[in-house]
């Protein structure tokens, strides 16, 4: 099951990263912004807009598949790993600068995901059964009164 999560979140991160980087390239190609048919043609003539659509559609279906099995809290947190991949690839592809605030933000994202993963592992690893008052005949009769 851990391999399912690892592969699933890597695929989700890849789709999300593709969508974000493609949208950036499509937005650069769409400038200057104007409301005209020629502008729309210019936007939809760019292959990057289709990369963004493929990325968003792929991310949607991957996310829906993951949510069937993954716990929502850690899954939602792990879905934000794409922020780190987009930051790193934007630095490499677009020469965008990375400063201390961005590095700290990445650290907080990773720390948050780690905290949720540890918490989830502890919740599933506990061997103490949780008592349900309706399982206890005395509790059930007391609740019925």
N, C-alpha and C. Protein backbone atom coordinates (compact mmCIF):
# COMPACT_ATOMS: atom_id res chain seq x y z
N UNK A 1 0.83 -1.20 0.00
CA UNK A 1 0.00 0.00 0.00
C UNK A 1 0.87 1.25 0.00
N UNK A 2 2.03 1.19 0.67
CA UNK A 2 2.90 2.36 0.69
C UNK A 2 3.41 2.68 -0.70
N UNK A 3 3.65 1.64 -1.51
CA UNK A 3 4.09 1.88 -2.89
C UNK A 3 2.99 2.56 -3.69
N UNK A 4 1.73 2.18 -3.44
CA UNK A 4 0.59 2.82 -4.10
C UNK A 4 0.58 4.31 -3.81
N UNK A 5 0.76 4.67 -2.53
CA UNK A 5 0.78 6.08 -2.15
C UNK A 5 1.96 6.80 -2.78
N UNK A 6 3.13 6.19 -2.74
CA UNK A 6 4.33 6.83 -3.28
C UNK A 6 4.18 7.07 -4.78
N UNK A 7 3.80 6.06 -5.51
CA UNK A 7 3.62 6.21 -6.96
C UNK A 7 2.49 7.18 -7.26
N UNK A 8 1.40 7.05 -6.54
CA UNK A 8 0.24 7.93 -6.77
C UNK A 8 0.58 9.40 -6.56
N UNK A 9 1.27 9.70 -5.47
CA UNK A 9 1.60 11.09 -5.20
C UNK A 9 2.69 11.61 -6.12
N UNK A 10 3.58 10.74 -6.59
CA UNK A 10 4.56 11.18 -7.59
C UNK A 10 3.87 11.50 -8.92
N UNK A 11 2.89 10.69 -9.30
CA UNK A 11 2.13 10.96 -10.53
C UNK A 11 1.33 12.25 -10.37
N UNK A 12 0.69 12.43 -9.21
CA UNK A 12 -0.05 13.66 -8.96
C UNK A 12 0.86 14.87 -9.02
N UNK A 13 2.03 14.77 -8.40
CA UNK A 13 2.98 15.87 -8.42
C UNK A 13 3.44 16.17 -9.85
N UNK A 14 3.66 15.12 -10.64
CA UNK A 14 4.09 15.33 -12.03
C UNK A 14 3.01 16.03 -12.84
N UNK A 15 1.75 15.60 -12.69
CA UNK A 15 0.66 16.26 -13.42
C UNK A 15 0.49 17.71 -12.98
N UNK A 16 0.51 17.94 -11.66
CA UNK A 16 0.37 19.31 -11.15
C UNK A 16 1.51 20.20 -11.62
N UNK A 17 2.72 19.67 -11.61
CA UNK A 17 3.88 20.44 -12.05
C UNK A 17 3.78 20.76 -13.54
N UNK A 18 3.39 19.76 -14.33
CA UNK A 18 3.19 19.98 -15.77
C UNK A 18 2.16 21.09 -16.00
N UNK A 19 1.07 21.04 -15.27
CA UNK A 19 0.01 22.04 -15.44
C UNK A 19 0.52 23.44 -15.10
N UNK A 20 1.20 23.58 -13.98
CA UNK A 20 1.66 24.91 -13.56
C UNK A 20 2.71 25.48 -14.51
N UNK A 21 3.69 24.67 -14.90
CA UNK A 21 4.74 25.16 -15.78
C UNK A 21 4.21 25.45 -17.18
N UNK A 22 3.29 24.62 -17.66
CA UNK A 22 2.68 24.86 -18.97
C UNK A 22 1.84 26.12 -18.96
N UNK A 23 1.12 26.35 -17.87
CA UNK A 23 0.31 27.56 -17.77
C UNK A 23 1.19 28.80 -17.76
N UNK A 24 2.33 28.72 -17.12
CA UNK A 24 3.28 29.84 -17.12
C UNK A 24 3.77 30.13 -18.54
N UNK A 25 4.16 29.08 -19.27
CA UNK A 25 4.63 29.27 -20.64
C UNK A 25 3.50 29.77 -21.54
N UNK A 26 2.30 29.24 -21.37
CA UNK A 26 1.16 29.70 -22.17
C UNK A 26 0.83 31.15 -21.86
N UNK A 27 0.92 31.52 -20.59
CA UNK A 27 0.66 32.91 -20.21
C UNK A 27 1.69 33.87 -20.79
N UNK A 28 2.95 33.46 -20.80
CA UNK A 28 3.99 34.29 -21.42
C UNK A 28 3.72 34.49 -22.90
N UNK A 29 3.27 33.43 -23.57
CA UNK A 29 3.01 33.51 -25.01
C UNK A 29 1.74 34.31 -25.31
N UNK A 30 0.85 34.45 -24.33
CA UNK A 30 -0.42 35.14 -24.55
C UNK A 30 -0.30 36.66 -24.43
N UNK A 31 0.83 37.14 -24.00
CA UNK A 31 1.00 38.59 -23.83
C UNK A 31 1.21 39.27 -25.17
N UNK A 32 0.74 40.45 -25.35
CA UNK A 32 -0.05 41.30 -24.46
C UNK A 32 -1.52 40.86 -24.42
N UNK A 33 -2.10 41.03 -23.27
CA UNK A 33 -3.48 40.64 -23.05
C UNK A 33 -4.42 41.60 -23.78
N UNK A 34 -5.31 41.03 -24.57
CA UNK A 34 -6.33 41.83 -25.27
C UNK A 34 -7.54 40.95 -25.48
N UNK A 35 -8.69 41.56 -25.54
CA UNK A 35 -9.92 40.82 -25.73
C UNK A 35 -10.28 40.86 -27.21
N UNK A 36 -9.77 39.86 -27.94
CA UNK A 36 -10.03 39.81 -29.38
C UNK A 36 -9.91 38.37 -29.86
N UNK A 37 -10.52 38.07 -30.99
CA UNK A 37 -10.39 36.71 -31.55
C UNK A 37 -8.94 36.36 -31.89
N UNK A 38 -8.16 37.33 -32.29
CA UNK A 38 -6.76 37.04 -32.61
C UNK A 38 -5.97 36.64 -31.36
N UNK A 39 -6.32 37.25 -30.22
CA UNK A 39 -5.66 36.87 -28.97
C UNK A 39 -6.03 35.43 -28.59
N UNK A 40 -7.33 35.09 -28.71
CA UNK A 40 -7.76 33.73 -28.41
C UNK A 40 -7.06 32.73 -29.32
N UNK A 41 -6.92 33.08 -30.58
CA UNK A 41 -6.22 32.20 -31.52
C UNK A 41 -4.76 32.02 -31.09
N UNK A 42 -4.15 33.13 -30.68
CA UNK A 42 -2.75 33.07 -30.23
C UNK A 42 -2.60 32.17 -29.01
N UNK A 43 -3.56 32.25 -28.09
CA UNK A 43 -3.51 31.43 -26.88
C UNK A 43 -3.67 29.95 -27.23
N UNK A 44 -4.69 29.63 -28.02
CA UNK A 44 -4.98 28.22 -28.30
C UNK A 44 -4.09 27.64 -29.40
N UNK A 45 -3.28 28.45 -30.02
CA UNK A 45 -2.30 27.95 -30.98
C UNK A 45 -1.01 27.50 -30.28
N UNK A 46 -0.87 27.86 -29.02
CA UNK A 46 0.31 27.48 -28.25
C UNK A 46 0.15 26.05 -27.72
N UNK A 47 1.16 25.21 -27.90
CA UNK A 47 1.05 23.85 -27.35
C UNK A 47 1.04 23.82 -25.83
N UNK A 48 1.54 24.87 -25.20
CA UNK A 48 1.61 24.89 -23.73
C UNK A 48 0.24 24.90 -23.09
N UNK A 49 -0.74 25.49 -23.73
CA UNK A 49 -2.09 25.52 -23.14
C UNK A 49 -2.66 24.11 -23.06
N UNK A 50 -2.29 23.27 -24.02
CA UNK A 50 -2.76 21.89 -24.00
C UNK A 50 -2.00 21.06 -22.97
N UNK A 51 -0.75 21.40 -22.74
CA UNK A 51 0.00 20.77 -21.66
C UNK A 51 -0.64 21.08 -20.32
N UNK A 52 -1.11 22.33 -20.16
CA UNK A 52 -1.79 22.71 -18.92
C UNK A 52 -3.10 21.94 -18.77
N UNK A 53 -3.86 21.82 -19.85
CA UNK A 53 -5.13 21.07 -19.78
C UNK A 53 -4.89 19.60 -19.44
N UNK A 54 -3.90 19.01 -20.09
CA UNK A 54 -3.56 17.60 -19.79
C UNK A 54 -3.13 17.46 -18.33
N UNK A 55 -2.32 18.40 -17.87
CA UNK A 55 -1.87 18.36 -16.48
C UNK A 55 -3.02 18.46 -15.49
N UNK A 56 -3.94 19.39 -15.73
CA UNK A 56 -5.06 19.55 -14.80
C UNK A 56 -6.01 18.35 -14.84
N UNK A 57 -6.28 17.84 -16.02
CA UNK A 57 -7.16 16.67 -16.13
C UNK A 57 -6.50 15.44 -15.50
N UNK A 58 -5.23 15.24 -15.78
CA UNK A 58 -4.51 14.11 -15.18
C UNK A 58 -4.45 14.22 -13.68
N UNK A 59 -4.21 15.43 -13.16
CA UNK A 59 -4.16 15.64 -11.71
C UNK A 59 -5.52 15.36 -11.08
N UNK A 60 -6.58 15.79 -11.75
CA UNK A 60 -7.93 15.56 -11.21
C UNK A 60 -8.21 14.06 -11.05
N UNK A 61 -7.97 13.29 -12.11
CA UNK A 61 -8.27 11.86 -12.04
C UNK A 61 -7.32 11.13 -11.09
N UNK A 62 -6.07 11.55 -11.04
CA UNK A 62 -5.14 10.93 -10.09
C UNK A 62 -5.57 11.23 -8.66
N UNK A 63 -5.95 12.47 -8.40
CA UNK A 63 -6.39 12.88 -7.07
C UNK A 63 -7.64 12.10 -6.65
N UNK A 64 -8.60 11.96 -7.55
CA UNK A 64 -9.83 11.22 -7.22
C UNK A 64 -9.50 9.75 -6.91
N UNK A 65 -8.58 9.17 -7.65
CA UNK A 65 -8.19 7.78 -7.40
C UNK A 65 -7.47 7.64 -6.05
N UNK A 66 -6.61 8.60 -5.74
CA UNK A 66 -5.89 8.54 -4.47
C UNK A 66 -6.83 8.72 -3.28
N UNK A 67 -7.81 9.59 -3.43
CA UNK A 67 -8.70 9.85 -2.30
C UNK A 67 -9.57 8.65 -1.92
N UNK A 68 -9.69 7.69 -2.81
CA UNK A 68 -10.44 6.49 -2.46
C UNK A 68 -9.76 5.70 -1.36
N UNK A 69 -8.42 5.77 -1.31
CA UNK A 69 -7.67 4.93 -0.37
C UNK A 69 -6.86 5.71 0.65
N UNK A 70 -6.42 6.88 0.30
CA UNK A 70 -5.52 7.63 1.19
C UNK A 70 -6.32 8.42 2.21
N UNK A 71 -5.81 8.56 3.43
CA UNK A 71 -6.45 9.43 4.42
C UNK A 71 -6.40 10.88 3.94
N UNK A 72 -7.47 11.61 4.12
CA UNK A 72 -7.60 12.93 3.53
C UNK A 72 -6.56 13.93 4.05
N UNK A 73 -6.30 13.96 5.35
CA UNK A 73 -5.37 14.94 5.91
C UNK A 73 -3.98 14.85 5.31
N UNK A 74 -3.31 13.70 5.45
CA UNK A 74 -1.98 13.57 4.85
C UNK A 74 -2.00 13.67 3.33
N UNK A 75 -3.07 13.19 2.70
CA UNK A 75 -3.15 13.27 1.24
C UNK A 75 -3.20 14.72 0.78
N UNK A 76 -4.00 15.53 1.46
CA UNK A 76 -4.09 16.94 1.08
C UNK A 76 -2.76 17.64 1.29
N UNK A 77 -2.10 17.33 2.38
CA UNK A 77 -0.80 17.94 2.65
C UNK A 77 0.23 17.50 1.60
N UNK A 78 0.25 16.22 1.29
CA UNK A 78 1.22 15.71 0.31
C UNK A 78 0.96 16.27 -1.08
N UNK A 79 -0.27 16.62 -1.37
CA UNK A 79 -0.56 17.20 -2.68
C UNK A 79 0.13 18.55 -2.87
N UNK A 80 0.58 19.14 -1.78
CA UNK A 80 1.26 20.44 -1.88
C UNK A 80 2.76 20.31 -2.15
N UNK A 81 3.23 19.08 -2.32
CA UNK A 81 4.62 18.90 -2.72
C UNK A 81 4.90 19.50 -4.09
N UNK A 82 3.86 19.65 -4.91
CA UNK A 82 4.06 20.24 -6.23
C UNK A 82 4.53 21.68 -6.13
N UNK A 83 4.28 22.34 -5.04
CA UNK A 83 4.78 23.70 -4.87
C UNK A 83 6.31 23.69 -4.88
N UNK A 84 6.89 22.69 -4.25
CA UNK A 84 8.35 22.58 -4.21
C UNK A 84 8.91 22.23 -5.59
N UNK A 85 8.25 21.30 -6.29
CA UNK A 85 8.74 20.93 -7.62
C UNK A 85 8.60 22.07 -8.61
N UNK A 86 7.51 22.82 -8.52
CA UNK A 86 7.33 23.98 -9.41
C UNK A 86 8.37 25.05 -9.10
N UNK A 87 8.65 25.27 -7.83
CA UNK A 87 9.66 26.25 -7.43
C UNK A 87 11.03 25.87 -7.99
N UNK A 88 11.41 24.61 -7.82
CA UNK A 88 12.72 24.17 -8.30
C UNK A 88 12.83 24.23 -9.82
N UNK A 89 11.79 23.76 -10.51
CA UNK A 89 11.84 23.78 -11.98
C UNK A 89 11.71 25.19 -12.54
N UNK A 90 10.99 26.07 -11.85
CA UNK A 90 10.92 27.46 -12.29
C UNK A 90 12.27 28.14 -12.18
N UNK A 91 13.00 27.78 -11.15
CA UNK A 91 14.36 28.33 -11.00
C UNK A 91 15.24 27.85 -12.15
N UNK A 92 15.11 26.57 -12.48
CA UNK A 92 15.94 25.99 -13.54
C UNK A 92 15.50 26.45 -14.93
N UNK A 93 14.20 26.44 -15.21
CA UNK A 93 13.70 26.74 -16.56
C UNK A 93 13.53 28.22 -16.85
N UNK A 94 13.10 28.98 -15.84
CA UNK A 94 12.78 30.39 -16.06
C UNK A 94 13.72 31.35 -15.34
N UNK A 95 14.75 30.81 -14.72
CA UNK A 95 15.74 31.59 -13.98
C UNK A 95 15.08 32.48 -12.91
N UNK A 96 14.03 31.96 -12.28
CA UNK A 96 13.40 32.70 -11.19
C UNK A 96 14.24 32.52 -9.94
N UNK A 97 14.32 33.58 -9.16
CA UNK A 97 15.18 33.52 -7.97
C UNK A 97 14.47 32.79 -6.83
N UNK A 98 15.28 32.14 -6.03
CA UNK A 98 14.79 31.46 -4.83
C UNK A 98 15.51 32.09 -3.64
N UNK A 99 14.73 32.64 -2.73
CA UNK A 99 15.29 33.30 -1.56
C UNK A 99 14.98 32.54 -0.29
N UNK A 100 15.37 33.13 0.80
CA UNK A 100 15.14 32.51 2.11
C UNK A 100 13.65 32.27 2.40
N UNK A 101 12.73 33.19 2.07
CA UNK A 101 11.32 32.90 2.33
C UNK A 101 10.81 31.66 1.58
N UNK A 102 11.25 31.47 0.35
CA UNK A 102 10.83 30.30 -0.42
C UNK A 102 11.40 29.02 0.18
N UNK A 103 12.65 29.07 0.60
CA UNK A 103 13.29 27.90 1.20
C UNK A 103 12.60 27.56 2.53
N UNK A 104 12.31 28.57 3.33
CA UNK A 104 11.60 28.32 4.60
C UNK A 104 10.21 27.75 4.33
N UNK A 105 9.52 28.29 3.34
CA UNK A 105 8.20 27.77 2.98
C UNK A 105 8.25 26.30 2.58
N UNK A 106 9.25 25.94 1.79
CA UNK A 106 9.42 24.53 1.41
C UNK A 106 9.69 23.66 2.63
N UNK A 107 10.49 24.18 3.55
CA UNK A 107 10.76 23.44 4.78
C UNK A 107 9.50 23.23 5.60
N UNK A 108 8.66 24.26 5.68
CA UNK A 108 7.41 24.13 6.43
C UNK A 108 6.47 23.12 5.76
N UNK A 109 6.43 23.11 4.44
CA UNK A 109 5.59 22.14 3.74
C UNK A 109 6.06 20.72 4.06
N UNK A 110 7.35 20.48 3.96
CA UNK A 110 7.89 19.15 4.24
C UNK A 110 7.68 18.77 5.70
N UNK A 111 7.89 19.72 6.62
CA UNK A 111 7.68 19.44 8.04
C UNK A 111 6.21 19.12 8.32
N UNK A 112 5.30 19.85 7.71
CA UNK A 112 3.88 19.58 7.90
C UNK A 112 3.47 18.20 7.40
N UNK A 113 3.99 17.84 6.24
CA UNK A 113 3.68 16.51 5.69
C UNK A 113 4.26 15.43 6.60
N UNK A 114 5.47 15.64 7.10
CA UNK A 114 6.10 14.66 8.00
C UNK A 114 5.29 14.52 9.28
N UNK A 115 4.84 15.64 9.85
CA UNK A 115 4.04 15.58 11.08
C UNK A 115 2.74 14.82 10.85
N UNK A 116 2.07 15.08 9.75
CA UNK A 116 0.82 14.37 9.47
C UNK A 116 1.07 12.89 9.20
N UNK A 117 2.17 12.56 8.55
CA UNK A 117 2.49 11.16 8.27
C UNK A 117 2.77 10.41 9.58
N UNK A 118 3.52 11.03 10.48
CA UNK A 118 3.81 10.39 11.77
C UNK A 118 2.52 10.22 12.56
N UNK A 119 1.69 11.24 12.57
CA UNK A 119 0.42 11.17 13.29
C UNK A 119 -0.47 10.07 12.72
N UNK A 120 -0.52 9.98 11.41
CA UNK A 120 -1.33 8.94 10.77
C UNK A 120 -0.79 7.55 11.08
N UNK A 121 0.53 7.40 11.08
CA UNK A 121 1.14 6.11 11.40
C UNK A 121 0.85 5.72 12.84
N UNK A 122 0.87 6.68 13.76
CA UNK A 122 0.56 6.39 15.15
C UNK A 122 -0.90 6.00 15.32
N UNK A 123 -1.79 6.66 14.59
CA UNK A 123 -3.22 6.33 14.67
C UNK A 123 -3.49 4.91 14.19
N UNK A 124 -2.82 4.52 13.11
CA UNK A 124 -3.03 3.17 12.58
C UNK A 124 -2.23 2.12 13.34
N UNK A 125 -1.20 2.55 14.05
CA UNK A 125 -0.36 1.61 14.77
C UNK A 125 -0.83 1.32 16.17
N UNK A 126 -1.79 2.07 16.67
CA UNK A 126 -2.23 1.84 18.05
C UNK A 126 -2.98 0.52 18.12
N UNK A 127 -2.70 -0.23 19.18
CA UNK A 127 -3.32 -1.55 19.34
C UNK A 127 -4.48 -1.52 20.31
N UNK A 128 -4.70 -0.38 20.95
CA UNK A 128 -5.80 -0.29 21.90
C UNK A 128 -7.12 -0.13 21.16
N UNK A 129 -8.07 -1.03 21.41
CA UNK A 129 -9.37 -0.87 20.76
C UNK A 129 -10.14 0.30 21.37
N UNK A 130 -10.87 0.97 20.56
CA UNK A 130 -11.69 2.08 21.04
C UNK A 130 -13.03 1.51 21.46
N UNK A 131 -13.45 1.86 22.69
CA UNK A 131 -14.72 1.34 23.20
C UNK A 131 -15.87 2.12 22.62
N UNK A 132 -16.86 1.37 22.17
CA UNK A 132 -18.08 1.96 21.64
C UNK A 132 -19.19 1.66 22.64
N UNK A 133 -19.85 2.68 23.18
CA UNK A 133 -20.88 2.43 24.22
C UNK A 133 -22.02 1.57 23.71
N UNK A 134 -22.27 1.53 22.43
CA UNK A 134 -23.37 0.70 21.93
C UNK A 134 -22.99 -0.77 21.88
N UNK A 135 -21.68 -1.10 21.96
CA UNK A 135 -21.25 -2.50 21.99
C UNK A 135 -21.46 -3.11 23.38
N UNK A 136 -21.50 -2.29 24.40
CA UNK A 136 -21.65 -2.74 25.77
C UNK A 136 -23.14 -2.88 26.07
N UNK A 137 -23.57 -4.06 26.46
CA UNK A 137 -25.01 -4.22 26.75
C UNK A 137 -25.49 -3.26 27.83
N UNK A 138 -24.67 -3.00 28.86
CA UNK A 138 -25.08 -2.11 29.92
C UNK A 138 -25.18 -0.69 29.38
N UNK A 139 -24.25 -0.32 28.51
CA UNK A 139 -24.27 1.01 27.91
C UNK A 139 -25.44 1.17 26.97
N UNK A 140 -25.80 0.09 26.29
CA UNK A 140 -26.90 0.15 25.35
C UNK A 140 -28.21 0.31 26.08
N UNK A 141 -28.36 -0.44 27.23
CA UNK A 141 -29.61 -0.31 27.97
C UNK A 141 -29.71 1.04 28.64
N UNK A 142 -28.56 1.58 29.07
CA UNK A 142 -28.59 2.90 29.69
C UNK A 142 -28.92 3.96 28.66
N UNK A 143 -28.44 3.78 27.44
CA UNK A 143 -28.72 4.75 26.40
C UNK A 143 -30.18 4.66 25.96
N UNK A 144 -30.76 3.46 26.08
CA UNK A 144 -32.15 3.27 25.66
C UNK A 144 -33.12 3.92 26.64
N UNK A 145 -32.69 4.09 27.90
CA UNK A 145 -33.59 4.65 28.91
C UNK A 145 -33.80 6.06 28.63
